[in-house]
N, C-alpha and C. Protein backbone atom coordinates (compact mmCIF):
# COMPACT_ATOMS: atom_id res chain seq x y z
N MET A 1 111.29 81.04 93.28
CA MET A 1 111.21 79.82 92.52
C MET A 1 112.43 78.99 92.87
N ALA A 2 112.24 77.73 93.14
CA ALA A 2 113.35 76.81 93.35
C ALA A 2 113.50 75.97 92.09
N ALA A 3 114.68 76.00 91.51
CA ALA A 3 114.93 75.29 90.26
C ALA A 3 115.68 74.00 90.54
N VAL A 4 115.33 72.97 89.80
CA VAL A 4 116.01 71.69 89.93
C VAL A 4 116.63 71.37 88.59
N LEU A 5 117.90 71.01 88.60
CA LEU A 5 118.62 70.65 87.39
C LEU A 5 118.99 69.18 87.47
N LEU A 6 118.73 68.45 86.42
CA LEU A 6 119.11 67.05 86.35
C LEU A 6 120.19 66.92 85.30
N PHE A 7 121.37 66.50 85.70
CA PHE A 7 122.49 66.31 84.79
C PHE A 7 122.64 64.82 84.53
N VAL A 8 122.71 64.44 83.27
CA VAL A 8 122.86 63.04 82.93
C VAL A 8 124.26 62.84 82.35
N ALA A 9 125.05 62.07 83.05
CA ALA A 9 126.43 61.81 82.65
C ALA A 9 126.45 60.92 81.42
N PRO A 10 127.58 60.88 80.69
CA PRO A 10 127.66 60.01 79.52
C PRO A 10 127.34 58.54 79.85
N SER A 11 127.59 58.12 81.07
CA SER A 11 127.29 56.74 81.46
C SER A 11 125.81 56.54 81.72
N GLY A 12 125.02 57.62 81.75
CA GLY A 12 123.59 57.52 82.00
C GLY A 12 123.23 57.75 83.45
N THR A 13 124.20 57.98 84.31
CA THR A 13 123.95 58.20 85.72
C THR A 13 123.47 59.63 85.96
N PRO A 14 122.30 59.81 86.61
CA PRO A 14 121.83 61.17 86.86
C PRO A 14 122.48 61.76 88.12
N ALA A 15 122.65 63.05 88.11
CA ALA A 15 123.09 63.79 89.29
C ALA A 15 122.21 65.01 89.40
N ILE A 16 121.65 65.24 90.55
CA ILE A 16 120.72 66.35 90.73
C ILE A 16 121.40 67.49 91.43
N GLY A 17 121.20 68.69 90.91
CA GLY A 17 121.68 69.90 91.55
C GLY A 17 120.52 70.84 91.74
N ARG A 18 120.59 71.69 92.71
CA ARG A 18 119.51 72.63 93.00
C ARG A 18 120.09 74.04 92.98
N ALA A 19 119.47 74.91 92.19
CA ALA A 19 119.91 76.31 92.11
C ALA A 19 118.75 77.19 92.53
N GLY A 20 118.96 78.03 93.52
CA GLY A 20 117.88 78.84 94.05
C GLY A 20 117.76 80.21 93.44
N ARG A 21 118.81 80.71 92.81
CA ARG A 21 118.74 82.04 92.21
C ARG A 21 119.73 82.12 91.05
N PRO A 22 119.53 83.11 90.16
CA PRO A 22 120.41 83.23 88.99
C PRO A 22 121.87 83.43 89.40
N GLY A 23 122.75 82.85 88.63
CA GLY A 23 124.18 83.03 88.84
C GLY A 23 124.76 82.17 89.94
N ARG A 24 123.97 81.30 90.51
CA ARG A 24 124.46 80.46 91.60
C ARG A 24 125.03 79.17 91.04
N ALA A 25 126.23 78.86 91.44
CA ALA A 25 126.89 77.65 90.96
C ALA A 25 126.46 76.45 91.81
N LEU A 26 126.58 75.28 91.24
CA LEU A 26 126.31 74.06 91.99
C LEU A 26 127.40 73.86 93.04
N PRO A 27 127.07 73.19 94.16
CA PRO A 27 128.06 73.00 95.21
C PRO A 27 129.25 72.15 94.75
N GLN A 28 129.00 71.20 93.89
CA GLN A 28 130.05 70.32 93.36
C GLN A 28 129.97 70.32 91.84
N PRO A 29 131.11 70.36 91.15
CA PRO A 29 131.07 70.24 89.68
C PRO A 29 130.47 68.89 89.27
N VAL A 30 129.74 68.91 88.16
CA VAL A 30 129.09 67.70 87.66
C VAL A 30 129.49 67.50 86.22
N GLN A 31 129.89 66.28 85.87
CA GLN A 31 130.18 65.95 84.48
C GLN A 31 128.89 65.44 83.86
N ALA A 32 128.45 66.07 82.77
CA ALA A 32 127.15 65.72 82.21
C ALA A 32 127.17 65.81 80.70
N GLN A 33 126.28 65.04 80.10
CA GLN A 33 126.08 65.07 78.66
C GLN A 33 124.78 65.81 78.33
N TYR A 34 123.79 65.74 79.22
CA TYR A 34 122.50 66.39 79.02
C TYR A 34 122.10 67.13 80.29
N VAL A 35 121.27 68.13 80.12
CA VAL A 35 120.74 68.87 81.25
C VAL A 35 119.23 68.97 81.09
N ARG A 36 118.52 68.67 82.16
CA ARG A 36 117.06 68.85 82.18
C ARG A 36 116.75 69.84 83.29
N PHE A 37 115.86 70.79 83.00
CA PHE A 37 115.52 71.85 83.94
C PHE A 37 114.05 71.78 84.27
N TRP A 38 113.70 71.86 85.53
CA TRP A 38 112.31 72.00 85.93
C TRP A 38 112.25 72.72 87.28
N THR A 39 111.07 73.16 87.64
CA THR A 39 110.92 73.86 88.92
C THR A 39 110.05 73.02 89.83
N ASP A 40 110.33 73.10 91.11
CA ASP A 40 109.52 72.33 92.04
C ASP A 40 108.57 73.20 92.86
N THR A 41 108.68 74.52 92.73
CA THR A 41 107.72 75.42 93.37
C THR A 41 107.50 76.64 92.48
N ALA A 42 106.33 77.22 92.61
CA ALA A 42 106.00 78.43 91.84
C ALA A 42 105.74 79.55 92.82
N LEU A 43 106.18 80.74 92.45
CA LEU A 43 105.93 81.93 93.26
C LEU A 43 105.18 82.94 92.42
N GLY A 44 104.47 83.85 93.05
CA GLY A 44 103.79 84.90 92.32
C GLY A 44 102.32 84.92 92.61
N GLU A 45 101.60 85.72 91.81
CA GLU A 45 100.18 85.92 92.06
C GLU A 45 99.37 84.66 91.82
N THR A 46 99.69 83.91 90.77
CA THR A 46 98.86 82.76 90.43
C THR A 46 99.27 81.50 91.16
N LYS A 47 100.54 81.32 91.37
CA LYS A 47 101.11 80.14 92.02
C LYS A 47 100.71 78.85 91.32
N THR A 48 100.37 78.93 90.04
CA THR A 48 100.03 77.72 89.30
C THR A 48 100.93 77.52 88.09
N GLY A 49 101.70 78.51 87.72
CA GLY A 49 102.55 78.40 86.55
C GLY A 49 103.90 79.00 86.82
N VAL A 50 104.87 78.53 86.10
CA VAL A 50 106.25 79.00 86.25
C VAL A 50 106.76 79.39 84.89
N GLN A 51 107.51 80.46 84.85
CA GLN A 51 108.13 80.89 83.60
C GLN A 51 109.61 81.08 83.85
N ALA A 52 110.43 80.49 83.01
CA ALA A 52 111.88 80.64 83.10
C ALA A 52 112.38 81.36 81.86
N ALA A 53 113.26 82.30 82.06
CA ALA A 53 113.77 83.08 80.93
C ALA A 53 114.88 82.33 80.21
N GLU A 54 115.80 81.73 80.95
CA GLU A 54 116.90 81.03 80.29
C GLU A 54 117.62 80.13 81.28
N LEU A 55 118.36 79.22 80.74
CA LEU A 55 119.22 78.34 81.51
C LEU A 55 120.59 78.37 80.83
N GLN A 56 121.61 78.67 81.60
CA GLN A 56 122.96 78.70 81.06
C GLN A 56 123.81 77.67 81.80
N VAL A 57 124.53 76.88 81.05
CA VAL A 57 125.43 75.88 81.63
C VAL A 57 126.81 76.17 81.06
N PHE A 58 127.80 76.26 81.94
CA PHE A 58 129.15 76.62 81.53
C PHE A 58 130.10 75.46 81.78
N SER A 59 131.11 75.38 80.94
CA SER A 59 132.13 74.35 81.08
C SER A 59 133.48 74.95 80.76
N LYS A 60 134.48 74.52 81.52
CA LYS A 60 135.85 74.98 81.24
C LYS A 60 136.48 74.18 80.11
N THR A 61 135.88 73.04 79.78
CA THR A 61 136.49 72.17 78.76
C THR A 61 135.80 72.26 77.40
N ALA A 62 134.59 72.75 77.34
CA ALA A 62 133.89 72.84 76.06
C ALA A 62 134.45 74.01 75.26
N THR A 63 134.60 73.82 73.96
CA THR A 63 135.10 74.89 73.09
C THR A 63 134.14 75.08 71.92
N GLY A 64 134.20 76.26 71.32
CA GLY A 64 133.40 76.52 70.12
C GLY A 64 131.94 76.82 70.41
N VAL A 65 131.57 77.03 71.65
CA VAL A 65 130.18 77.34 71.98
C VAL A 65 130.09 78.82 72.32
N GLU A 66 129.34 79.54 71.52
CA GLU A 66 129.17 80.97 71.74
C GLU A 66 127.69 81.25 71.98
N PRO A 67 127.34 81.92 73.07
CA PRO A 67 125.93 82.22 73.29
C PRO A 67 125.42 83.22 72.26
N LEU A 68 124.16 83.09 71.91
CA LEU A 68 123.54 84.03 70.99
C LEU A 68 123.33 85.36 71.70
N PRO A 69 123.44 86.45 70.97
CA PRO A 69 123.15 87.74 71.61
C PRO A 69 121.66 87.83 71.92
N PRO A 70 121.30 88.60 72.92
CA PRO A 70 119.87 88.74 73.21
C PRO A 70 119.14 89.40 72.05
N SER A 71 117.91 88.99 71.84
CA SER A 71 117.12 89.60 70.77
C SER A 71 116.76 91.02 71.18
N PRO A 72 116.60 91.91 70.21
CA PRO A 72 116.24 93.29 70.56
C PRO A 72 114.83 93.32 71.15
N PRO A 73 114.54 94.30 72.00
CA PRO A 73 113.20 94.39 72.56
C PRO A 73 112.17 94.67 71.47
N ASP A 74 110.96 94.19 71.71
CA ASP A 74 109.86 94.46 70.78
C ASP A 74 109.53 95.95 70.79
N ALA A 75 109.16 96.45 69.64
CA ALA A 75 108.72 97.85 69.55
C ALA A 75 107.39 98.00 70.30
N PRO A 76 107.19 99.12 70.98
CA PRO A 76 105.93 99.33 71.70
C PRO A 76 104.72 99.31 70.76
N VAL A 77 103.60 98.89 71.29
CA VAL A 77 102.33 98.92 70.57
C VAL A 77 101.44 99.92 71.30
N THR A 78 100.94 100.90 70.56
CA THR A 78 100.09 101.94 71.15
C THR A 78 98.83 102.10 70.32
N GLU A 79 97.72 102.21 71.00
CA GLU A 79 96.44 102.52 70.35
C GLU A 79 95.81 103.68 71.11
N THR A 80 94.98 104.43 70.43
CA THR A 80 94.25 105.50 71.07
C THR A 80 92.79 105.42 70.64
N GLY A 81 91.90 105.52 71.61
CA GLY A 81 90.48 105.48 71.31
C GLY A 81 89.71 106.22 72.38
N VAL A 82 88.47 106.48 72.10
CA VAL A 82 87.59 107.14 73.06
C VAL A 82 86.58 106.11 73.56
N ILE A 83 86.48 106.00 74.87
CA ILE A 83 85.50 105.09 75.47
C ILE A 83 84.30 105.93 75.91
N ALA A 84 83.14 105.57 75.39
CA ALA A 84 81.95 106.42 75.53
C ALA A 84 81.42 106.52 76.95
N ALA A 85 81.33 105.40 77.66
CA ALA A 85 80.70 105.44 78.98
C ALA A 85 81.37 104.47 79.94
N GLY A 86 81.44 104.88 81.19
CA GLY A 86 81.96 104.01 82.23
C GLY A 86 80.92 102.98 82.63
N ASN A 87 81.38 101.84 83.11
CA ASN A 87 80.47 100.79 83.52
C ASN A 87 81.05 100.12 84.76
N PRO A 88 80.53 100.43 85.96
CA PRO A 88 81.08 99.83 87.17
C PRO A 88 80.75 98.35 87.32
N SER A 89 79.90 97.78 86.46
CA SER A 89 79.62 96.34 86.52
C SER A 89 80.59 95.62 85.58
N THR A 90 81.88 95.88 85.78
CA THR A 90 82.92 95.35 84.92
C THR A 90 82.80 93.83 84.83
N GLY A 91 83.00 93.33 83.62
CA GLY A 91 82.91 91.90 83.38
C GLY A 91 81.62 91.54 82.68
N THR A 92 80.59 92.36 82.83
CA THR A 92 79.34 92.13 82.13
C THR A 92 79.06 93.27 81.16
N ALA A 93 80.08 94.09 80.92
CA ALA A 93 79.91 95.28 80.10
C ALA A 93 79.72 94.94 78.63
N ASP A 94 79.20 95.92 77.87
CA ASP A 94 78.93 95.71 76.45
C ASP A 94 80.18 95.29 75.69
N ASP A 95 81.28 95.99 75.91
CA ASP A 95 82.51 95.70 75.18
C ASP A 95 83.01 94.30 75.51
N ALA A 96 82.97 93.92 76.78
CA ALA A 96 83.44 92.59 77.17
C ALA A 96 82.54 91.52 76.57
N THR A 97 81.24 91.74 76.54
CA THR A 97 80.31 90.76 75.99
C THR A 97 80.55 90.59 74.49
N ALA A 98 80.65 91.69 73.74
CA ALA A 98 80.90 91.61 72.30
C ALA A 98 82.23 90.94 72.02
N PHE A 99 83.23 91.27 72.81
CA PHE A 99 84.56 90.69 72.64
C PHE A 99 84.54 89.19 72.91
N LYS A 100 83.97 88.78 74.03
CA LYS A 100 83.98 87.36 74.39
C LYS A 100 83.09 86.53 73.47
N THR A 101 82.01 87.13 72.95
CA THR A 101 81.13 86.40 72.04
C THR A 101 81.86 86.07 70.74
N ALA A 102 82.55 87.04 70.17
CA ALA A 102 83.25 86.84 68.89
C ALA A 102 84.69 86.39 69.08
N CYS A 103 85.23 86.59 70.28
CA CYS A 103 86.65 86.34 70.57
C CYS A 103 87.53 87.03 69.54
N ALA A 104 87.24 88.31 69.35
CA ALA A 104 87.98 89.15 68.41
C ALA A 104 87.75 90.60 68.81
N VAL A 105 88.57 91.48 68.28
CA VAL A 105 88.37 92.91 68.54
C VAL A 105 87.00 93.29 67.97
N PRO A 106 86.11 93.82 68.82
CA PRO A 106 84.77 94.13 68.33
C PRO A 106 84.77 95.32 67.37
N ALA A 107 83.80 95.33 66.48
CA ALA A 107 83.62 96.45 65.56
C ALA A 107 82.89 97.57 66.28
N THR A 108 82.98 98.77 65.75
CA THR A 108 82.20 99.86 66.31
C THR A 108 80.72 99.57 66.05
N PRO A 109 79.82 99.89 66.89
CA PRO A 109 79.97 100.75 68.06
C PRO A 109 80.37 100.01 69.34
N ALA A 110 80.50 98.69 69.31
CA ALA A 110 80.87 97.97 70.53
C ALA A 110 82.29 98.34 70.98
N GLN A 111 83.23 98.43 70.02
CA GLN A 111 84.59 98.87 70.38
C GLN A 111 84.51 100.32 70.80
N GLY A 112 84.81 100.58 72.07
CA GLY A 112 84.74 101.93 72.58
C GLY A 112 83.44 102.24 73.31
N ALA A 113 82.52 101.28 73.40
CA ALA A 113 81.27 101.54 74.11
C ALA A 113 81.55 101.80 75.59
N ASP A 114 82.22 100.86 76.25
CA ASP A 114 82.63 101.06 77.64
C ASP A 114 84.00 100.46 77.90
N GLY A 115 84.67 100.08 76.82
CA GLY A 115 86.01 99.52 76.93
C GLY A 115 86.68 99.51 75.58
N TRP A 116 87.96 99.13 75.57
CA TRP A 116 88.73 99.09 74.34
C TRP A 116 89.55 97.80 74.34
N VAL A 117 89.44 97.03 73.26
CA VAL A 117 90.17 95.75 73.14
C VAL A 117 91.38 95.95 72.26
N THR A 118 92.53 95.53 72.77
CA THR A 118 93.78 95.57 72.02
C THR A 118 94.24 94.14 71.77
N LYS A 119 94.44 93.79 70.50
CA LYS A 119 94.98 92.46 70.17
C LYS A 119 96.50 92.57 70.21
N LEU A 120 97.13 91.65 70.93
CA LEU A 120 98.58 91.68 71.10
C LEU A 120 99.27 90.92 69.97
N PRO A 121 100.44 91.38 69.55
CA PRO A 121 101.24 90.58 68.61
C PRO A 121 101.59 89.23 69.25
N ASP A 122 101.88 88.24 68.44
CA ASP A 122 102.14 86.88 68.92
C ASP A 122 103.20 86.83 70.02
N SER A 123 104.26 87.61 69.89
CA SER A 123 105.38 87.50 70.82
C SER A 123 105.13 88.22 72.15
N PHE A 124 104.00 88.90 72.30
CA PHE A 124 103.77 89.72 73.50
C PHE A 124 103.16 88.94 74.66
N GLY A 125 102.73 87.73 74.45
CA GLY A 125 102.14 86.93 75.52
C GLY A 125 103.17 86.05 76.21
N ASP A 126 104.35 86.61 76.47
CA ASP A 126 105.43 85.81 77.06
C ASP A 126 105.69 86.13 78.52
N GLY A 127 104.89 86.98 79.12
CA GLY A 127 105.09 87.35 80.51
C GLY A 127 106.17 88.39 80.72
N ALA A 128 106.77 88.89 79.63
CA ALA A 128 107.85 89.88 79.72
C ALA A 128 107.44 91.21 79.11
N HIS A 129 106.14 91.46 79.04
CA HIS A 129 105.63 92.72 78.52
C HIS A 129 104.68 93.32 79.54
N GLU A 130 104.57 94.64 79.51
CA GLU A 130 103.63 95.30 80.40
C GLU A 130 102.79 96.28 79.60
N VAL A 131 101.66 96.65 80.18
CA VAL A 131 100.76 97.60 79.53
C VAL A 131 100.45 98.72 80.52
N ARG A 132 100.33 99.91 79.97
CA ARG A 132 99.93 101.08 80.75
C ARG A 132 98.89 101.82 79.94
N VAL A 133 97.79 102.18 80.58
CA VAL A 133 96.76 102.96 79.91
C VAL A 133 96.60 104.27 80.67
N HIS A 134 96.52 105.35 79.92
CA HIS A 134 96.38 106.66 80.55
C HIS A 134 95.51 107.56 79.68
N SER A 135 95.08 108.65 80.28
CA SER A 135 94.30 109.65 79.57
C SER A 135 94.78 111.03 80.01
N ASP A 136 94.64 111.99 79.13
CA ASP A 136 95.01 113.36 79.44
C ASP A 136 93.79 114.20 79.80
N THR A 137 92.63 113.58 79.94
CA THR A 137 91.42 114.34 80.25
C THR A 137 91.48 114.87 81.68
N VAL A 138 90.79 115.95 81.93
CA VAL A 138 90.76 116.53 83.28
C VAL A 138 89.52 116.08 84.05
N THR A 139 88.59 115.42 83.38
CA THR A 139 87.39 114.93 84.07
C THR A 139 87.73 113.63 84.79
N PRO A 140 87.01 113.27 85.86
CA PRO A 140 87.29 112.04 86.59
C PRO A 140 87.08 110.79 85.71
N TYR A 141 87.97 109.83 85.86
CA TYR A 141 87.86 108.56 85.14
C TYR A 141 88.63 107.49 85.91
N ASP A 142 88.37 106.24 85.55
CA ASP A 142 89.08 105.11 86.17
C ASP A 142 89.12 103.97 85.16
N PHE A 143 90.33 103.65 84.70
CA PHE A 143 90.53 102.52 83.79
C PHE A 143 90.88 101.27 84.60
N ASP A 144 90.47 100.11 84.12
CA ASP A 144 90.91 98.81 84.62
C ASP A 144 91.35 97.99 83.43
N LEU A 145 92.27 97.05 83.66
CA LEU A 145 92.81 96.21 82.59
C LEU A 145 92.48 94.74 82.85
N TYR A 146 92.10 94.04 81.78
CA TYR A 146 91.80 92.61 81.87
C TYR A 146 92.54 91.90 80.74
N PHE A 147 93.13 90.75 81.07
CA PHE A 147 93.97 90.02 80.13
C PHE A 147 93.31 88.69 79.77
N TYR A 148 93.22 88.44 78.45
CA TYR A 148 92.55 87.24 77.94
C TYR A 148 93.49 86.46 77.03
N ASP A 149 93.31 85.13 77.00
CA ASP A 149 94.10 84.31 76.08
C ASP A 149 93.42 84.23 74.72
N GLU A 150 93.95 83.40 73.83
CA GLU A 150 93.42 83.34 72.45
C GLU A 150 92.00 82.79 72.38
N SER A 151 91.55 82.07 73.41
CA SER A 151 90.17 81.57 73.42
C SER A 151 89.27 82.46 74.28
N CYS A 152 89.77 83.65 74.62
CA CYS A 152 89.03 84.66 75.39
C CYS A 152 88.70 84.22 76.81
N THR A 153 89.59 83.44 77.39
CA THR A 153 89.50 83.08 78.80
C THR A 153 90.27 84.13 79.60
N LEU A 154 89.66 84.61 80.64
CA LEU A 154 90.29 85.63 81.48
C LEU A 154 91.50 85.03 82.20
N LEU A 155 92.66 85.70 82.06
CA LEU A 155 93.90 85.24 82.69
C LEU A 155 94.26 86.05 83.93
N GLY A 156 93.82 87.29 83.99
CA GLY A 156 94.17 88.14 85.11
C GLY A 156 93.71 89.56 84.87
N SER A 157 94.02 90.42 85.83
CA SER A 157 93.57 91.81 85.72
C SER A 157 94.50 92.72 86.49
N ALA A 158 94.37 94.00 86.21
CA ALA A 158 95.01 95.07 86.97
C ALA A 158 93.91 96.10 87.16
N ALA A 159 93.30 96.11 88.34
CA ALA A 159 92.13 96.95 88.57
C ALA A 159 92.25 97.59 89.95
N SER A 160 92.76 98.80 89.98
CA SER A 160 92.91 99.53 91.24
C SER A 160 92.00 100.75 91.21
N SER A 161 92.08 101.55 92.26
CA SER A 161 91.28 102.77 92.30
C SER A 161 91.98 103.94 91.61
N ALA A 162 93.18 103.71 91.08
CA ALA A 162 93.90 104.77 90.36
C ALA A 162 93.20 105.06 89.04
N ALA A 163 93.30 106.30 88.57
CA ALA A 163 92.69 106.67 87.30
C ALA A 163 93.34 105.92 86.14
N ASP A 164 94.67 106.00 86.06
CA ASP A 164 95.42 105.26 85.05
C ASP A 164 95.76 103.89 85.62
N GLU A 165 96.01 102.94 84.74
CA GLU A 165 96.28 101.58 85.21
C GLU A 165 97.46 101.00 84.46
N SER A 166 98.17 100.09 85.10
CA SER A 166 99.28 99.39 84.44
C SER A 166 99.44 98.03 85.07
N GLY A 167 100.09 97.13 84.33
CA GLY A 167 100.33 95.80 84.86
C GLY A 167 101.14 94.96 83.90
N THR A 168 101.70 93.89 84.42
CA THR A 168 102.43 92.92 83.61
C THR A 168 101.44 92.02 82.90
N ILE A 169 101.64 91.83 81.61
CA ILE A 169 100.76 90.97 80.82
C ILE A 169 101.14 89.52 81.11
N PRO A 170 100.20 88.69 81.56
CA PRO A 170 100.55 87.31 81.90
C PRO A 170 100.90 86.48 80.68
N SER A 171 101.66 85.43 80.91
CA SER A 171 102.01 84.49 79.84
C SER A 171 100.74 83.93 79.22
N GLY A 172 100.75 83.82 77.91
CA GLY A 172 99.61 83.26 77.19
C GLY A 172 98.56 84.28 76.80
N ALA A 173 98.73 85.54 77.20
CA ALA A 173 97.73 86.56 76.88
C ALA A 173 97.77 86.91 75.40
N ARG A 174 96.59 87.16 74.84
CA ARG A 174 96.46 87.53 73.43
C ARG A 174 95.72 88.85 73.27
N TYR A 175 94.90 89.20 74.27
CA TYR A 175 94.10 90.42 74.22
C TYR A 175 94.21 91.16 75.55
N VAL A 176 94.13 92.49 75.47
CA VAL A 176 94.01 93.34 76.65
C VAL A 176 92.72 94.13 76.51
N LEU A 177 91.85 94.03 77.51
CA LEU A 177 90.62 94.81 77.54
C LEU A 177 90.83 95.96 78.51
N THR A 178 90.79 97.18 78.00
CA THR A 178 90.83 98.37 78.83
C THR A 178 89.38 98.74 79.12
N GLN A 179 88.96 98.57 80.35
CA GLN A 179 87.58 98.82 80.73
C GLN A 179 87.49 100.16 81.44
N LEU A 180 86.52 100.97 81.07
CA LEU A 180 86.29 102.24 81.75
C LEU A 180 85.29 102.00 82.87
N TRP A 181 85.76 102.08 84.11
CA TRP A 181 84.91 101.85 85.27
C TRP A 181 84.14 103.12 85.64
N LEU A 182 84.78 104.28 85.43
CA LEU A 182 84.18 105.57 85.78
C LEU A 182 84.53 106.57 84.70
N GLY A 183 83.56 107.38 84.29
CA GLY A 183 83.83 108.44 83.34
C GLY A 183 82.93 108.35 82.12
N ALA A 184 83.03 109.35 81.26
CA ALA A 184 82.25 109.38 80.01
C ALA A 184 83.06 110.11 78.96
N ALA A 185 83.04 109.57 77.74
CA ALA A 185 83.77 110.13 76.60
C ALA A 185 85.23 110.37 76.97
N VAL A 186 85.86 109.33 77.50
CA VAL A 186 87.25 109.43 77.97
C VAL A 186 88.19 108.92 76.89
N PRO A 187 89.11 109.77 76.39
CA PRO A 187 90.13 109.27 75.47
C PRO A 187 91.16 108.48 76.26
N GLY A 188 91.53 107.33 75.74
CA GLY A 188 92.50 106.48 76.43
C GLY A 188 93.57 105.99 75.48
N THR A 189 94.77 105.83 76.01
CA THR A 189 95.89 105.34 75.22
C THR A 189 96.55 104.17 75.94
N PRO A 190 96.24 102.94 75.53
CA PRO A 190 96.99 101.81 76.07
C PRO A 190 98.31 101.64 75.30
N THR A 191 99.38 101.49 76.03
CA THR A 191 100.71 101.29 75.44
C THR A 191 101.31 100.02 76.02
N VAL A 192 101.72 99.11 75.15
CA VAL A 192 102.31 97.84 75.55
C VAL A 192 103.80 97.90 75.24
N THR A 193 104.63 97.59 76.24
CA THR A 193 106.08 97.66 76.05
C THR A 193 106.76 96.38 76.50
N ASP A 194 107.92 96.14 75.94
CA ASP A 194 108.77 95.01 76.29
C ASP A 194 109.58 95.42 77.52
N THR A 195 109.63 94.57 78.53
CA THR A 195 110.35 94.91 79.76
C THR A 195 111.82 94.53 79.73
N ARG A 196 112.26 93.92 78.63
CA ARG A 196 113.67 93.52 78.57
C ARG A 196 114.56 94.72 78.33
């Protein structure tokens, strides 16, 4: 990501600086009253959105400014359920249909029919959380993960040939659908953790 900083001096004159990575100082000191931050390129899987964690501006002349301590990481969220049947036609499965129709965690028997829906706490859709789903069963199985926003629009997925699955939850996500692609009566445990 290439970041662009616009510094506005007390006289109103703008000065532009470019910072390519964290901790990099501007080539020349700039006297400014305001700072505006934006990005001119996006990197990553989607290449359509950018997420910035923080912007820090330091001055040798400013006094009385103390940065806030970082907030503690969110406590993990874990659910455990049994998914009755695998469905290799992922995306048209019973659980996904019931979920997308109501845009809510489906009631049984739809919850657990061929997938499991986890509703995320409000603060978990910030792009700084990840989910891992696993099972202790000895029979063959394959989980896939799908991420949806509050209006049940698909934001992304983590779907490999591995039995267990994990991935970073994209910004704006509100639900995680754990889909069983292969297996029957598979107990699964999705765990969502803060990566900070």
